[in-house]
Amino acid sequence: MKHVSFPCVISLLVLLGTTTSCVKESAASGTAGTRLALAKPADQRMAQGDSNRVAIAVERTGFGDAVRVTFSNLPEGVKVDADTIIAGDSKRDFVLVAAPTAAIVERQIVTVKAVGSSITTSQTFELSVKAKS
């Protein structure tokens, strides 16, 4: 029987914990083999009065309908310009628009929800808004 040292076990557990905690895709299944997956959006940084593109990508299985996309928990004064990834497309850049008086926040968790063919899935990303320089 081979023995493994305690520091090696801890290192392995830390490594496994680090790699498994990074969720890159969220998916949900519907009826008749349908599935909707949503890729994790990149974290965003912007200034008051600016706009910023955030790429949202979905993968549909068993259906081709449009996917409605909503953003919740946006900082006060930040809005999004659109709400749909049209049928046939798998990704879209949504534009975050911060008003000149938007709340200054650091790493606020924003939830993106995708709904298509009665299937709902969601992801989160961090949004920071800094004062206009």
Protein backbone atom coordinates (compact mmCIF):
# COMPACT_ATOMS: atom_id res chain seq x y z
CA MET A 1 0.00 0.00 0.00
CA LYS A 2 1.37 3.37 -1.00
CA HIS A 3 0.92 6.34 1.37
CA VAL A 4 0.27 9.87 0.22
CA SER A 5 1.46 12.73 2.36
CA PHE A 6 -1.09 15.05 3.98
CA PRO A 7 0.13 18.19 2.11
CA CYS A 8 -0.36 16.34 -1.21
CA VAL A 9 -3.94 15.43 -0.28
CA ILE A 10 -4.69 19.04 0.72
CA SER A 11 -3.16 20.33 -2.53
CA LEU A 12 -5.27 17.90 -4.53
CA LEU A 13 -8.44 18.93 -2.68
CA VAL A 14 -7.69 22.61 -3.23
CA LEU A 15 -7.02 21.97 -6.92
CA LEU A 16 -10.24 19.98 -7.32
CA GLY A 17 -12.24 22.58 -5.42
CA THR A 18 -10.84 25.34 -7.61
CA THR A 19 -11.57 23.63 -10.90
CA THR A 20 -15.03 22.35 -10.03
CA SER A 21 -16.31 25.62 -8.58
CA CYS A 22 -15.89 27.48 -11.88
CA VAL A 23 -19.25 27.03 -13.63
CA LYS A 24 -18.93 27.82 -17.33
CA GLU A 25 -22.42 26.76 -18.43
CA SER A 26 -25.84 26.44 -16.88
CA ALA A 27 -28.36 24.16 -18.58
CA ALA A 28 -31.90 22.95 -18.09
CA SER A 29 -33.93 20.29 -19.88
CA GLY A 30 -37.51 20.36 -21.06
CA THR A 31 -39.86 17.81 -22.54
CA ALA A 32 -39.07 15.54 -25.49
CA GLY A 33 -35.30 15.98 -25.16
CA THR A 34 -35.23 19.76 -25.40
CA ARG A 35 -32.42 21.55 -23.61
CA LEU A 36 -31.29 25.16 -23.15
CA ALA A 37 -27.75 26.01 -22.04
CA LEU A 38 -26.45 29.47 -21.12
CA ALA A 39 -22.71 30.22 -21.12
CA LYS A 40 -21.30 32.22 -18.22
CA PRO A 41 -20.92 35.88 -19.24
CA ALA A 42 -17.62 37.65 -18.61
CA ASP A 43 -17.43 39.99 -15.62
CA GLN A 44 -17.88 43.64 -16.60
CA ARG A 45 -16.33 46.98 -15.57
CA MET A 46 -17.68 50.33 -16.71
CA ALA A 47 -17.87 53.99 -15.72
CA GLN A 48 -20.88 56.19 -15.09
CA GLY A 49 -22.24 57.51 -18.39
CA ASP A 50 -20.64 54.73 -20.46
CA SER A 51 -21.99 51.71 -22.29
CA ASN A 52 -20.49 48.24 -22.36
CA ARG A 53 -21.18 45.15 -24.46
CA VAL A 54 -21.76 41.85 -22.68
CA ALA A 55 -21.79 38.70 -24.85
CA ILE A 56 -24.58 36.24 -24.07
CA ALA A 57 -24.42 32.81 -25.69
CA VAL A 58 -27.00 30.02 -25.62
CA GLU A 59 -27.14 26.51 -26.99
CA ARG A 60 -30.52 25.04 -27.94
CA THR A 61 -31.20 21.32 -28.35
CA GLY A 62 -34.46 20.12 -29.86
CA PHE A 63 -35.96 23.55 -30.56
CA GLY A 64 -35.08 26.65 -32.55
CA ASP A 65 -37.32 29.34 -31.07
CA ALA A 66 -36.14 32.76 -29.92
CA VAL A 67 -34.69 32.92 -26.40
CA ARG A 68 -35.79 35.76 -24.12
CA VAL A 69 -32.94 37.14 -22.01
CA THR A 70 -33.43 39.24 -18.88
CA PHE A 71 -30.97 40.87 -16.50
CA SER A 72 -31.79 41.30 -12.81
CA ASN A 73 -30.06 42.97 -9.89
CA LEU A 74 -28.49 45.63 -12.12
CA PRO A 75 -27.13 48.60 -10.17
CA GLU A 76 -29.44 51.60 -9.99
CA GLY A 77 -29.10 53.64 -13.18
CA VAL A 78 -27.87 50.74 -15.35
CA LYS A 79 -30.15 49.26 -18.04
CA VAL A 80 -29.93 46.83 -20.96
CA ASP A 81 -30.97 47.70 -24.51
CA ALA A 82 -32.58 44.45 -25.75
CA ASP A 83 -34.10 41.22 -24.54
CA THR A 84 -34.00 38.49 -27.21
CA ILE A 85 -31.63 36.17 -29.04
CA ILE A 86 -33.55 35.54 -32.23
CA ALA A 87 -34.34 32.12 -33.64
CA GLY A 88 -31.33 30.71 -35.45
CA ASP A 89 -28.75 32.78 -33.54
CA SER A 90 -26.73 31.35 -30.67
CA LYS A 91 -25.27 34.56 -29.28
CA ARG A 92 -25.84 38.27 -29.04
CA ASP A 93 -24.04 41.25 -27.58
CA PHE A 94 -26.31 43.07 -25.16
CA VAL A 95 -25.41 46.65 -24.30
CA LEU A 96 -25.29 47.74 -20.68
CA VAL A 97 -25.91 51.49 -20.42
CA ALA A 98 -24.94 53.35 -17.24
CA ALA A 99 -26.57 56.72 -16.66
CA PRO A 100 -24.25 59.58 -15.67
CA THR A 101 -25.70 59.21 -12.17
CA ALA A 102 -25.58 55.38 -12.02
CA ALA A 103 -24.78 53.88 -8.64
CA ILE A 104 -21.09 53.27 -8.02
CA VAL A 105 -20.68 49.58 -7.19
CA GLU A 106 -17.86 47.07 -6.97
CA ARG A 107 -18.42 43.46 -8.09
CA GLN A 108 -22.23 43.49 -7.85
CA ILE A 109 -23.71 40.12 -8.80
CA VAL A 110 -26.04 40.41 -11.82
CA THR A 111 -28.25 37.49 -12.86
CA VAL A 112 -28.91 36.70 -16.52
CA LYS A 113 -31.96 34.53 -17.15
CA ALA A 114 -32.65 32.81 -20.48
CA VAL A 115 -36.09 31.42 -21.35
CA GLY A 116 -36.92 29.44 -24.48
CA SER A 117 -39.41 26.68 -25.28
CA SER A 118 -40.69 26.82 -21.67
CA ILE A 119 -37.17 26.10 -20.36
CA THR A 120 -35.46 28.51 -17.96
CA THR A 121 -31.80 28.66 -16.99
CA SER A 122 -29.62 31.38 -15.47
CA GLN A 123 -26.06 32.52 -14.87
CA THR A 124 -24.39 35.34 -12.96
CA PHE A 125 -21.57 37.77 -13.58
CA GLU A 126 -19.97 40.59 -11.63
CA LEU A 127 -20.55 44.20 -12.65
CA SER A 128 -18.47 47.12 -11.36
CA VAL A 129 -19.42 50.73 -12.06
CA LYS A 130 -16.84 53.40 -11.23
CA ALA A 131 -17.13 57.16 -11.08
CA LYS A 132 -16.64 58.96 -14.38
CA SER A 133 -13.10 60.33 -14.51
